PDB file of N, CA and C in Angstrom:
ATOM      1  N   MET A   1     -13.492 183.906 184.921  1.00  0.00           N
ATOM      2  CA  MET A   1     -13.352 184.129 183.498  1.00  0.00           C
ATOM      3  C   MET A   1     -13.948 182.959 182.710  1.00  0.00           C
ATOM      4  N   LEU A   2     -13.641 181.735 183.154  1.00  0.00           N
ATOM      5  CA  LEU A   2     -14.166 180.550 182.483  1.00  0.00           C
ATOM      6  C   LEU A   2     -15.687 180.510 182.577  1.00  0.00           C
ATOM      7  N   ARG A   3     -16.216 180.871 183.732  1.00  0.00           N
ATOM      8  CA  ARG A   3     -17.666 180.898 183.923  1.00  0.00           C
ATOM      9  C   ARG A   3     -18.320 181.889 182.960  1.00  0.00           C
ATOM     10  N   LEU A   4     -17.728 183.049 182.775  1.00  0.00           N
ATOM     11  CA  LEU A   4     -18.245 184.056 181.855  1.00  0.00           C
ATOM     12  C   LEU A   4     -18.228 183.544 180.413  1.00  0.00           C
ATOM     13  N   LEU A   5     -17.140 182.887 180.048  1.00  0.00           N
ATOM     14  CA  LEU A   5     -17.006 182.337 178.697  1.00  0.00           C
ATOM     15  C   LEU A   5     -18.052 181.248 178.456  1.00  0.00           C
ATOM     16  N   LEU A   6     -18.262 180.374 179.430  1.00  0.00           N
ATOM     17  CA  LEU A   6     -19.273 179.328 179.292  1.00  0.00           C
ATOM     18  C   LEU A   6     -20.675 179.916 179.195  1.00  0.00           C
ATOM     19  N   SER A   7     -20.955 180.943 179.979  1.00  0.00           N
ATOM     20  CA  SER A   7     -22.261 181.608 179.922  1.00  0.00           C
ATOM     21  C   SER A   7     -22.498 182.221 178.549  1.00  0.00           C
ATOM     22  N   ALA A   8     -21.479 182.869 178.003  1.00  0.00           N
ATOM     23  CA  ALA A   8     -21.596 183.475 176.675  1.00  0.00           C
ATOM     24  C   ALA A   8     -21.845 182.406 175.618  1.00  0.00           C
ATOM     25  N   CYS A   9     -21.181 181.270 175.707  1.00  0.00           N
ATOM     26  CA  CYS A   9     -21.374 180.176 174.755  1.00  0.00           C
ATOM     27  C   CYS A   9     -22.794 179.627 174.841  1.00  0.00           C
ATOM     28  N   LEU A  10     -23.316 179.468 176.047  1.00  0.00           N
ATOM     29  CA  LEU A  10     -24.685 178.977 176.217  1.00  0.00           C
ATOM     30  C   LEU A  10     -25.700 179.937 175.628  1.00  0.00           C
ATOM     31  N   ILE A  11     -25.474 181.221 175.792  1.00  0.00           N
ATOM     32  CA  ILE A  11     -26.386 182.215 175.217  1.00  0.00           C
ATOM     33  C   ILE A  11     -26.372 182.127 173.699  1.00  0.00           C
ATOM     34  N   VAL A  12     -25.213 182.026 173.106  1.00  0.00           N
ATOM     35  CA  VAL A  12     -25.103 181.921 171.647  1.00  0.00           C
ATOM     36  C   VAL A  12     -25.770 180.648 171.151  1.00  0.00           C
ATOM     37  N   ILE A  13     -25.532 179.530 171.832  1.00  0.00           N
ATOM     38  CA  ILE A  13     -26.158 178.266 171.439  1.00  0.00           C
ATOM     39  C   ILE A  13     -27.671 178.377 171.566  1.00  0.00           C
ATOM     40  N   SER A  14     -28.172 178.973 172.642  1.00  0.00           N
ATOM     41  CA  SER A  14     -29.611 179.142 172.836  1.00  0.00           C
ATOM     42  C   SER A  14     -30.210 179.982 171.732  1.00  0.00           C
ATOM     43  N   LEU A  15     -29.546 181.055 171.331  1.00  0.00           N
ATOM     44  CA  LEU A  15     -30.055 181.899 170.260  1.00  0.00           C
ATOM     45  C   LEU A  15     -30.076 181.157 168.936  1.00  0.00           C
ATOM     46  N   ASP A  16     -29.077 180.315 168.674  1.00  0.00           N
ATOM     47  CA  ASP A  16     -29.063 179.504 167.453  1.00  0.00           C
ATOM     48  C   ASP A  16     -30.239 178.543 167.427  1.00  0.00           C
ATOM     49  N   VAL A  17     -30.515 177.904 168.547  1.00  0.00           N
ATOM     50  CA  VAL A  17     -31.629 176.957 168.619  1.00  0.00           C
ATOM     51  C   VAL A  17     -32.949 177.682 168.388  1.00  0.00           C
ATOM     52  N   LEU A  18     -33.128 178.844 169.006  1.00  0.00           N
ATOM     53  CA  LEU A  18     -34.359 179.604 168.811  1.00  0.00           C
ATOM     54  C   LEU A  18     -34.508 180.065 167.368  1.00  0.00           C
ATOM     55  N   ALA A  19     -33.426 180.478 166.749  1.00  0.00           N
ATOM     56  CA  ALA A  19     -33.489 180.959 165.378  1.00  0.00           C
ATOM     57  C   ALA A  19     -33.857 179.836 164.417  1.00  0.00           C
ATOM     58  N   ALA A  20     -33.489 178.603 164.735  1.00  0.00           N
ATOM     59  CA  ALA A  20     -33.750 177.475 163.847  1.00  0.00           C
ATOM     60  C   ALA A  20     -35.168 176.932 164.004  1.00  0.00           C
ATOM     61  N   ARG A  21     -35.906 177.357 165.011  1.00  0.00           N
ATOM     62  CA  ARG A  21     -37.253 176.843 165.248  1.00  0.00           C
ATOM     63  C   ARG A  21     -38.188 177.327 164.143  1.00  0.00           C
ATOM     64  N   PRO A  22     -38.905 176.401 163.510  1.00  0.00           N
ATOM     65  CA  PRO A  22     -39.860 176.814 162.470  1.00  0.00           C
ATOM     66  C   PRO A  22     -40.981 177.664 163.054  1.00  0.00           C
ATOM     67  N   GLU A  23     -41.409 178.643 162.274  1.00  0.00           N
ATOM     68  CA  GLU A  23     -42.533 179.503 162.652  1.00  0.00           C
ATOM     69  C   GLU A  23     -43.552 179.488 161.523  1.00  0.00           C
ATOM     70  N   VAL A  24     -44.825 179.478 161.903  1.00  0.00           N
ATOM     71  CA  VAL A  24     -45.913 179.505 160.937  1.00  0.00           C
ATOM     72  C   VAL A  24     -46.897 180.587 161.369  1.00  0.00           C
ATOM     73  N   VAL A  25     -47.271 181.452 160.428  1.00  0.00           N
ATOM     74  CA  VAL A  25     -48.236 182.511 160.705  1.00  0.00           C
ATOM     75  C   VAL A  25     -49.602 182.080 160.182  1.00  0.00           C
ATOM     76  N   VAL A  26     -50.601 182.185 161.049  1.00  0.00           N
ATOM     77  CA  VAL A  26     -51.991 181.901 160.691  1.00  0.00           C
ATOM     78  C   VAL A  26     -52.787 183.158 161.012  1.00  0.00           C
ATOM     79  N   ARG A  27     -53.543 183.632 160.033  1.00  0.00           N
ATOM     80  CA  ARG A  27     -54.366 184.830 160.237  1.00  0.00           C
ATOM     81  C   ARG A  27     -55.825 184.416 160.377  1.00  0.00           C
ATOM     82  N   LEU A  28     -56.522 185.132 161.227  1.00  0.00           N
ATOM     83  CA  LEU A  28     -57.952 184.934 161.411  1.00  0.00           C
ATOM     84  C   LEU A  28     -58.655 186.161 160.855  1.00  0.00           C
ATOM     85  N   LYS A  29     -59.466 185.968 159.811  1.00  0.00           N
ATOM     86  CA  LYS A  29     -60.178 187.083 159.178  1.00  0.00           C
ATOM     87  C   LYS A  29     -61.565 186.598 158.790  1.00  0.00           C
ATOM     88  N   ASP A  30     -62.584 187.372 159.166  1.00  0.00           N
ATOM     89  CA  ASP A  30     -63.980 187.007 158.888  1.00  0.00           C
ATOM     90  C   ASP A  30     -64.312 185.622 159.444  1.00  0.00           C
ATOM     91  N   HIS A  31     -63.759 185.324 160.597  1.00  0.00           N
ATOM     92  CA  HIS A  31     -63.999 184.065 161.315  1.00  0.00           C
ATOM     93  C   HIS A  31     -63.522 182.846 160.528  1.00  0.00           C
ATOM     94  N   LEU A  32     -62.466 183.024 159.734  1.00  0.00           N
ATOM     95  CA  LEU A  32     -61.836 181.942 158.985  1.00  0.00           C
ATOM     96  C   LEU A  32     -60.339 181.974 159.233  1.00  0.00           C
ATOM     97  N   PHE A  33     -59.713 180.815 159.301  1.00  0.00           N
ATOM     98  CA  PHE A  33     -58.261 180.740 159.422  1.00  0.00           C
ATOM     99  C   PHE A  33     -57.638 180.730 158.032  1.00  0.00           C
ATOM    100  N   HIS A  34     -56.592 181.524 157.863  1.00  0.00           N
ATOM    101  CA  HIS A  34     -55.856 181.594 156.594  1.00  0.00           C
ATOM    102  C   HIS A  34     -54.376 181.408 156.878  1.00  0.00           C
ATOM    103  N   PRO A  35     -53.707 180.410 156.396  1.00  0.00           N
ATOM    104  CA  PRO A  35     -54.268 179.288 155.649  1.00  0.00           C
ATOM    105  C   PRO A  35     -55.005 178.337 156.583  1.00  0.00           C
ATOM    106  N   ALA A  36     -55.922 177.581 156.016  1.00  0.00           N
ATOM    107  CA  ALA A  36     -56.675 176.609 156.805  1.00  0.00           C
ATOM    108  C   ALA A  36     -55.854 175.338 157.026  1.00  0.00           C
ATOM    109  N   LYS A  37     -54.899 175.092 156.123  1.00  0.00           N
ATOM    110  CA  LYS A  37     -54.004 173.948 156.287  1.00  0.00           C
ATOM    111  C   LYS A  37     -52.601 174.479 156.540  1.00  0.00           C
ATOM    112  N   VAL A  38     -52.044 174.048 157.653  1.00  0.00           N
ATOM    113  CA  VAL A  38     -50.712 174.485 158.067  1.00  0.00           C
ATOM    114  C   VAL A  38     -49.788 173.272 158.017  1.00  0.00           C
ATOM    115  N   TYR A  39     -48.701 173.386 157.277  1.00  0.00           N
ATOM    116  CA  TYR A  39     -47.753 172.278 157.126  1.00  0.00           C
ATOM    117  C   TYR A  39     -46.523 172.537 157.985  1.00  0.00           C
ATOM    118  N   VAL A  40     -46.185 171.540 158.809  1.00  0.00           N
ATOM    119  CA  VAL A  40     -45.019 171.659 159.687  1.00  0.00           C
ATOM    120  C   VAL A  40     -44.209 170.368 159.622  1.00  0.00           C
ATOM    121  N   PRO A  41     -42.914 170.445 159.930  1.00  0.00           N
ATOM    122  CA  PRO A  41     -42.090 169.235 159.913  1.00  0.00           C
ATOM    123  C   PRO A  41     -42.326 168.372 161.154  1.00  0.00           C
ATOM    124  N   ALA A  42     -42.144 167.081 160.972  1.00  0.00           N
ATOM    125  CA  ALA A  42     -42.283 166.143 162.090  1.00  0.00           C
ATOM    126  C   ALA A  42     -41.117 166.304 163.057  1.00  0.00           C
ATOM    127  N   ASN A  43     -41.395 165.980 164.292  1.00  0.00           N
ATOM    128  CA  ASN A  43     -40.376 165.879 165.346  1.00  0.00           C
ATOM    129  C   ASN A  43     -39.638 167.185 165.622  1.00  0.00           C
ATOM    130  N   LYS A  44     -40.293 168.307 165.370  1.00  0.00           N
ATOM    131  CA  LYS A  44     -39.701 169.615 165.685  1.00  0.00           C
ATOM    132  C   LYS A  44     -40.727 170.464 166.420  1.00  0.00           C
ATOM    133  N   LYS A  45     -40.247 171.239 167.355  1.00  0.00           N
ATOM    134  CA  LYS A  45     -41.098 172.197 168.035  1.00  0.00           C
ATOM    135  C   LYS A  45     -41.340 173.354 167.069  1.00  0.00           C
ATOM    136  N   VAL A  46     -42.589 173.793 166.950  1.00  0.00           N
ATOM    137  CA  VAL A  46     -42.976 174.822 165.994  1.00  0.00           C
ATOM    138  C   VAL A  46     -43.704 175.939 166.729  1.00  0.00           C
ATOM    139  N   LYS A  47     -43.416 177.165 166.329  1.00  0.00           N
ATOM    140  CA  LYS A  47     -44.101 178.330 166.880  1.00  0.00           C
ATOM    141  C   LYS A  47     -45.210 178.734 165.924  1.00  0.00           C
ATOM    142  N   LEU A  48     -46.454 178.684 166.403  1.00  0.00           N
ATOM    143  CA  LEU A  48     -47.596 179.188 165.642  1.00  0.00           C
ATOM    144  C   LEU A  48     -47.845 180.625 166.069  1.00  0.00           C
ATOM    145  N   ILE A  49     -47.855 181.525 165.115  1.00  0.00           N
ATOM    146  CA  ILE A  49     -48.183 182.921 165.382  1.00  0.00           C
ATOM    147  C   ILE A  49     -49.576 183.135 164.818  1.00  0.00           C
ATOM    148  N   ILE A  50     -50.533 183.369 165.695  1.00  0.00           N
ATOM    149  CA  ILE A  50     -51.917 183.520 165.270  1.00  0.00           C
ATOM    150  C   ILE A  50     -52.286 184.995 165.385  1.00  0.00           C
ATOM    151  N   ILE A  51     -52.652 185.581 164.255  1.00  0.00           N
ATOM    152  CA  ILE A  51     -53.003 187.004 164.196  1.00  0.00           C
ATOM    153  C   ILE A  51     -54.502 187.102 163.955  1.00  0.00           C
ATOM    154  N   ASN A  52     -55.202 187.747 164.865  1.00  0.00           N
ATOM    155  CA  ASN A  52     -56.644 187.929 164.739  1.00  0.00           C
ATOM    156  C   ASN A  52     -56.920 189.301 164.126  1.00  0.00           C
ATOM    157  N   ASP A  53     -57.262 189.320 162.841  1.00  0.00           N
ATOM    158  CA  ASP A  53     -57.592 190.563 162.154  1.00  0.00           C
ATOM    159  C   ASP A  53     -59.034 190.995 162.378  1.00  0.00           C
ATOM    160  N   ASP A  54     -59.825 190.148 163.006  1.00  0.00           N
ATOM    161  CA  ASP A  54     -61.217 190.501 163.308  1.00  0.00           C
ATOM    162  C   ASP A  54     -61.276 191.399 164.538  1.00  0.00           C
ATOM    163  N   ASP A  55     -62.399 192.071 164.701  1.00  0.00           N
ATOM    164  CA  ASP A  55     -62.599 192.892 165.897  1.00  0.00           C
ATOM    165  C   ASP A  55     -63.022 192.042 167.097  1.00  0.00           C
ATOM    166  N   ASP A  56     -63.609 190.883 166.816  1.00  0.00           N
ATOM    167  CA  ASP A  56     -64.087 189.998 167.874  1.00  0.00           C
ATOM    168  C   ASP A  56     -62.973 189.060 168.354  1.00  0.00           C
ATOM    169  N   PRO A  57     -63.018 188.677 169.614  1.00  0.00           N
ATOM    170  CA  PRO A  57     -62.042 187.682 170.078  1.00  0.00           C
ATOM    171  C   PRO A  57     -62.378 186.306 169.508  1.00  0.00           C
ATOM    172  N   GLU A  58     -61.388 185.445 169.482  1.00  0.00           N
ATOM    173  CA  GLU A  58     -61.574 184.049 169.073  1.00  0.00           C
ATOM    174  C   GLU A  58     -60.685 183.188 169.955  1.00  0.00           C
ATOM    175  N   GLU A  59     -61.146 181.983 170.217  1.00  0.00           N
ATOM    176  CA  GLU A  59     -60.336 181.050 170.991  1.00  0.00           C
ATOM    177  C   GLU A  59     -59.834 179.950 170.065  1.00  0.00           C
ATOM    178  N   PHE A  60     -58.521 179.917 169.865  1.00  0.00           N
ATOM    179  CA  PHE A  60     -57.903 178.820 169.123  1.00  0.00           C
ATOM    180  C   PHE A  60     -58.020 177.601 169.998  1.00  0.00           C
ATOM    181  N   ASP A  61     -58.582 176.519 169.454  1.00  0.00           N
ATOM    182  CA  ASP A  61     -58.808 175.330 170.258  1.00  0.00           C
ATOM    183  C   ASP A  61     -58.449 174.093 169.447  1.00  0.00           C
ATOM    184  N   SER A  62     -57.745 173.169 170.061  1.00  0.00           N
ATOM    185  CA  SER A  62     -57.412 171.905 169.418  1.00  0.00           C
ATOM    186  C   SER A  62     -57.269 170.826 170.472  1.00  0.00           C
ATOM    187  N   PHE A  63     -58.168 169.854 170.403  1.00  0.00           N
ATOM    188  CA  PHE A  63     -58.062 168.715 171.310  1.00  0.00           C
ATOM    189  C   PHE A  63     -56.853 167.865 170.924  1.00  0.00           C
ATOM    190  N   ALA A  64     -56.615 167.721 169.623  1.00  0.00           N
ATOM    191  CA  ALA A  64     -55.515 166.888 169.135  1.00  0.00           C
ATOM    192  C   ALA A  64     -54.155 167.458 169.522  1.00  0.00           C
ATOM    193  N   LEU A  65     -54.042 168.793 169.524  1.00  0.00           N
ATOM    194  CA  LEU A  65     -52.784 169.447 169.893  1.00  0.00           C
ATOM    195  C   LEU A  65     -52.707 169.771 171.381  1.00  0.00           C
ATOM    196  N   ASN A  66     -53.832 169.591 172.080  1.00  0.00           N
ATOM    197  CA  ASN A  66     -53.917 169.910 173.500  1.00  0.00           C
ATOM    198  C   ASN A  66     -53.569 171.377 173.750  1.00  0.00           C
ATOM    199  N   ARG A  67     -54.180 172.264 172.953  1.00  0.00           N
ATOM    200  CA  ARG A  67     -53.919 173.696 173.067  1.00  0.00           C
ATOM    201  C   ARG A  67     -55.229 174.470 172.978  1.00  0.00           C
ATOM    202  N   GLU A  68     -55.309 175.526 173.764  1.00  0.00           N
ATOM    203  CA  GLU A  68     -56.382 176.501 173.631  1.00  0.00           C
ATOM    204  C   GLU A  68     -55.853 177.856 174.082  1.00  0.00           C
ATOM    205  N   LYS A  69     -56.249 178.873 173.341  1.00  0.00           N
ATOM    206  CA  LYS A  69     -55.732 180.209 173.623  1.00  0.00           C
ATOM    207  C   LYS A  69     -56.711 181.231 173.067  1.00  0.00           C
ATOM    208  N   VAL A  70     -57.131 182.170 173.903  1.00  0.00           N
ATOM    209  CA  VAL A  70     -57.986 183.271 173.441  1.00  0.00           C
ATOM    210  C   VAL A  70     -57.096 184.323 172.794  1.00  0.00           C
ATOM    211  N   ILE A  71     -57.492 184.732 171.598  1.00  0.00           N
ATOM    212  CA  ILE A  71     -56.789 185.803 170.888  1.00  0.00           C
ATOM    213  C   ILE A  71     -57.796 186.938 170.729  1.00  0.00           C
ATOM    214  N   PHE A  72     -57.543 188.029 171.414  1.00  0.00           N
ATOM    215  CA  PHE A  72     -58.452 189.163 171.354  1.00  0.00           C
ATOM    216  C   PHE A  72     -58.444 189.783 169.963  1.00  0.00           C
ATOM    217  N   GLY A  73     -59.503 190.537 169.654  1.00  0.00           N
ATOM    218  CA  GLY A  73     -59.599 191.185 168.355  1.00  0.00           C
ATOM    219  C   GLY A  73     -58.433 192.135 168.122  1.00  0.00           C
ATOM    220  N   GLN A  74     -57.965 192.159 166.875  1.00  0.00           N
ATOM    221  CA  GLN A  74     -56.857 193.031 166.468  1.00  0.00           C
ATOM    222  C   GLN A  74     -55.596 192.802 167.311  1.00  0.00           C
ATOM    223  N   SER A  75     -55.324 191.530 167.605  1.00  0.00           N
ATOM    224  CA  SER A  75     -54.105 191.206 168.363  1.00  0.00           C
ATOM    225  C   SER A  75     -53.548 189.875 167.864  1.00  0.00           C
ATOM    226  N   LYS A  76     -52.458 189.444 168.483  1.00  0.00           N
ATOM    227  CA  LYS A  76     -51.860 188.171 168.087  1.00  0.00           C
ATOM    228  C   LYS A  76     -51.438 187.403 169.317  1.00  0.00           C
ATOM    229  N   ALA A  77     -51.218 186.105 169.091  1.00  0.00           N
ATOM    230  CA  ALA A  77     -50.769 185.218 170.167  1.00  0.00           C
ATOM    231  C   ALA A  77     -49.792 184.212 169.582  1.00  0.00           C
ATOM    232  N   ASN A  78     -48.907 183.745 170.421  1.00  0.00           N
ATOM    233  CA  ASN A  78     -47.948 182.713 170.035  1.00  0.00           C
ATOM    234  C   ASN A  78     -48.278 181.427 170.770  1.00  0.00           C
ATOM    235  N   LEU A  79     -48.265 180.330 170.023  1.00  0.00           N
ATOM    236  CA  LEU A  79     -48.465 179.004 170.593  1.00  0.00           C
ATOM    237  C   LEU A  79     -47.322 178.116 170.126  1.00  0.00           C
ATOM    238  N   PHE A  80     -46.841 177.275 170.995  1.00  0.00           N
ATOM    239  CA  PHE A  80     -45.812 176.322 170.622  1.00  0.00           C
ATOM    240  C   PHE A  80     -46.437 174.935 170.581  1.00  0.00           C
ATOM    241  N   ILE A  81     -46.179 174.220 169.491  1.00  0.00           N
ATOM    242  CA  ILE A  81     -46.685 172.861 169.340  1.00  0.00           C
ATOM    243  C   ILE A  81     -45.510 171.942 169.024  1.00  0.00           C
ATOM    244  N   GLY A  82     -45.693 170.693 169.342  1.00  0.00           N
ATOM    245  CA  GLY A  82     -44.679 169.701 168.992  1.00  0.00           C
ATOM    246  C   GLY A  82     -43.627 169.550 170.065  1.00  0.00           C
ATOM    247  N   PRO A  83     -42.708 168.677 169.710  1.00  0.00           N
ATOM    248  CA  PRO A  83     -42.563 167.915 168.476  1.00  0.00           C
ATOM    249  C   PRO A  83     -43.713 166.924 168.296  1.00  0.00           C
ATOM    250  N   LEU A  84     -44.148 166.780 167.035  1.00  0.00           N
ATOM    251  CA  LEU A  84     -45.303 165.951 166.710  1.00  0.00           C
ATOM    252  C   LEU A  84     -44.926 164.846 165.725  1.00  0.00           C
ATOM    253  N   ALA A  85     -45.648 163.742 165.823  1.00  0.00           N
ATOM    254  CA  ALA A  85     -45.503 162.653 164.862  1.00  0.00           C
ATOM    255  C   ALA A  85     -46.252 163.034 163.582  1.00  0.00           C
ATOM    256  N   PRO A  86     -45.864 162.476 162.445  1.00  0.00           N
ATOM    257  CA  PRO A  86     -46.592 162.758 161.204  1.00  0.00           C
ATOM    258  C   PRO A  86     -48.079 162.449 161.357  1.00  0.00           C
ATOM    259  N   GLY A  87     -48.893 163.289 160.751  1.00  0.00           N
ATOM    260  CA  GLY A  87     -50.338 163.108 160.833  1.00  0.00           C
ATOM    261  C   GLY A  87     -51.052 164.425 160.685  1.00  0.00           C
ATOM    262  N   THR A  88     -52.358 164.401 160.933  1.00  0.00           N
ATOM    263  CA  THR A  88     -53.210 165.580 160.810  1.00  0.00           C
ATOM    264  C   THR A  88     -53.822 165.886 162.171  1.00  0.00           C
ATOM    265  N   TYR A  89     -53.726 167.153 162.562  1.00  0.00           N
ATOM    266  CA  TYR A  89     -54.199 167.614 163.864  1.00  0.00           C
ATOM    267  C   TYR A  89     -55.185 168.771 163.647  1.00  0.00           C
ATOM    268  N   PRO A  90     -56.486 168.517 163.797  1.00  0.00           N
ATOM    269  CA  PRO A  90     -57.465 169.577 163.553  1.00  0.00           C
ATOM    270  C   PRO A  90     -57.452 170.647 164.649  1.00  0.00           C
ATOM    271  N   PHE A  91     -57.849 171.872 164.253  1.00  0.00           N
ATOM    272  CA  PHE A  91     -58.062 172.965 165.197  1.00  0.00           C
ATOM    273  C   PHE A  91     -59.277 173.754 164.752  1.00  0.00           C
ATOM    274  N   PHE A  92     -59.822 174.563 165.666  1.00  0.00           N
ATOM    275  CA  PHE A  92     -61.014 175.344 165.339  1.00  0.00           C
ATOM    276  C   PHE A  92     -61.092 176.557 166.244  1.00  0.00           C
ATOM    277  N   GLY A  93     -61.949 177.478 165.858  1.00  0.00           N
ATOM    278  CA  GLY A  93     -62.238 178.629 166.691  1.00  0.00           C
ATOM    279  C   GLY A  93     -63.418 178.303 167.584  1.00  0.00           C
ATOM    280  N   GLN A  94     -63.217 178.348 168.870  1.00  0.00           N
ATOM    281  CA  GLN A  94     -64.264 177.973 169.831  1.00  0.00           C
ATOM    282  C   GLN A  94     -65.515 178.841 169.686  1.00  0.00           C
ATOM    283  N   TYR A  95     -65.348 180.116 169.358  1.00  0.00           N
ATOM    284  CA  TYR A  95     -66.490 181.021 169.277  1.00  0.00           C
ATOM    285  C   TYR A  95     -67.200 180.960 167.922  1.00  0.00           C
ATOM    286  N   HIS A  96     -66.534 180.429 166.895  1.00  0.00           N
ATOM    287  CA  HIS A  96     -67.126 180.282 165.552  1.00  0.00           C
ATOM    288  C   HIS A  96     -66.727 178.921 164.975  1.00  0.00           C
ATOM    289  N   PRO A  97     -67.151 177.835 165.632  1.00  0.00           N
ATOM    290  CA  PRO A  97     -66.654 176.509 165.249  1.00  0.00           C
ATOM    291  C   PRO A  97     -67.116 176.031 163.873  1.00  0.00           C
ATOM    292  N   THR A  98     -68.193 176.597 163.331  1.00  0.00           N
ATOM    293  CA  THR A  98     -68.651 176.138 162.019  1.00  0.00           C
ATOM    294  C   THR A  98     -67.863 176.761 160.877  1.00  0.00           C
ATOM    295  N   THR A  99     -67.225 177.914 161.121  1.00  0.00           N
ATOM    296  CA  THR A  99     -66.467 178.568 160.049  1.00  0.00           C
ATOM    297  C   THR A  99     -64.966 178.573 160.306  1.00  0.00           C
ATOM    298  N   ALA A 100     -64.564 178.789 161.535  1.00  0.00           N
ATOM    299  CA  ALA A 100     -63.136 178.881 161.866  1.00  0.00           C
ATOM    300  C   ALA A 100     -62.596 177.472 162.117  1.00  0.00           C
ATOM    301  N   GLN A 101     -62.169 176.821 161.038  1.00  0.00           N
ATOM    302  CA  GLN A 101     -61.650 175.460 161.132  1.00  0.00           C
ATOM    303  C   GLN A 101     -60.353 175.347 160.351  1.00  0.00           C
ATOM    304  N   GLY A 102     -59.476 174.486 160.821  1.00  0.00           N
ATOM    305  CA  GLY A 102     -58.227 174.253 160.121  1.00  0.00           C
ATOM    306  C   GLY A 102     -57.564 172.994 160.616  1.00  0.00           C
ATOM    307  N   GLU A 103     -56.373 172.743 160.075  1.00  0.00           N
ATOM    308  CA  GLU A 103     -55.634 171.569 160.512  1.00  0.00           C
ATOM    309  C   GLU A 103     -54.147 171.786 160.343  1.00  0.00           C
ATOM    310  N   VAL A 104     -53.402 171.244 161.295  1.00  0.00           N
ATOM    311  CA  VAL A 104     -51.952 171.200 161.208  1.00  0.00           C
ATOM    312  C   VAL A 104     -51.619 169.845 160.592  1.00  0.00           C
ATOM    313  N   ILE A 105     -50.893 169.881 159.481  1.00  0.00           N
ATOM    314  CA  ILE A 105     -50.482 168.653 158.819  1.00  0.00           C
ATOM    315  C   ILE A 105     -48.984 168.504 159.040  1.00  0.00           C
ATOM    316  N   VAL A 106     -48.624 167.457 159.748  1.00  0.00           N
ATOM    317  CA  VAL A 106     -47.226 167.210 160.089  1.00  0.00           C
ATOM    318  C   VAL A 106     -46.643 166.264 159.048  1.00  0.00           C
ATOM    319  N   LEU A 107     -45.608 166.760 158.365  1.00  0.00           N
ATOM    320  CA  LEU A 107     -44.988 166.014 157.274  1.00  0.00           C
ATOM    321  C   LEU A 107     -43.807 165.189 157.771  1.00  0.00           C
ATOM    322  N   SER A 108     -43.698 163.980 157.256  1.00  0.00           N
ATOM    323  CA  SER A 108     -42.549 163.126 157.543  1.00  0.00           C
ATOM    324  C   SER A 108     -41.307 163.726 156.906  1.00  0.00           C
ATOM    325  N   PRO A 109     -40.124 163.406 157.423  1.00  0.00           N
ATOM    326  CA  PRO A 109     -38.896 163.891 156.781  1.00  0.00           C
ATOM    327  C   PRO A 109     -38.866 163.490 155.308  1.00  0.00           C
ATOM    328  N   GLY A 110     -38.589 164.454 154.433  1.00  0.00           N
ATOM    329  CA  GLY A 110     -38.545 164.206 152.994  1.00  0.00           C
ATOM    330  C   GLY A 110     -39.881 164.305 152.298  1.00  0.00           C
ATOM    331  N   GLU A 111     -40.979 164.348 153.056  1.00  0.00           N
ATOM    332  CA  GLU A 111     -42.316 164.455 152.457  1.00  0.00           C
ATOM    333  C   GLU A 111     -42.564 165.896 152.033  1.00  0.00           C
ATOM    334  N   GLU A 112     -43.252 166.065 150.913  1.00  0.00           N
ATOM    335  CA  GLU A 112     -43.567 167.396 150.412  1.00  0.00           C
ATOM    336  C   GLU A 112     -45.060 167.645 150.500  1.00  0.00           C
ATOM    337  N   VAL A 113     -45.445 168.911 150.420  1.00  0.00           N
ATOM    338  CA  VAL A 113     -46.848 169.295 150.475  1.00  0.00           C
ATOM    339  C   VAL A 113     -47.558 168.721 149.257  1.00  0.00           C
ATOM    340  N   ALA A 114     -48.663 167.985 149.505  1.00  0.00           N
ATOM    341  CA  ALA A 114     -49.381 167.315 148.421  1.00  0.00           C
ATOM    342  C   ALA A 114     -50.348 168.248 147.704  1.00  0.00           C
ATOM    343  N   ASP A 115     -50.956 169.177 148.438  1.00  0.00           N
ATOM    344  CA  ASP A 115     -51.908 170.095 147.811  1.00  0.00           C
ATOM    345  C   ASP A 115     -51.725 171.480 148.381  1.00  0.00           C
ATOM    346  N   VAL A 116     -52.168 172.476 147.651  1.00  0.00           N
ATOM    347  CA  VAL A 116     -52.040 173.871 148.070  1.00  0.00           C
ATOM    348  C   VAL A 116     -53.421 174.486 148.037  1.00  0.00           C
ATOM    349  N   ASP A 117     -53.770 175.196 149.119  1.00  0.00           N
ATOM    350  CA  ASP A 117     -55.072 175.882 149.173  1.00  0.00           C
ATOM    351  C   ASP A 117     -55.089 177.073 148.267  1.00  0.00           C
TER     352      ASP A 117
END
């Protein structure tokens, strides 16, 4: 009985932690990322949801974030980043690097977004 109760508590705690994780949606349309600047909090794991509205595949690539993921046309992918220190982390589309560009801007606690696209 105690084991069952502890298991139930762990499941509830796990669901609370997952629900509190920040999520950011980035859309890919006409070989451009929208928004091109993504703001996330420092020191937290963040879920990036990348939706490719184009018919062509694109590879999300970031040396700074140490992430790469192919997103097929008309589909989506989830990437987890962080926890990250405050700063700017560029990303780009491997198949269209001159147009598909963006950056993750990690804000310090209490810092607000300085500009809006």
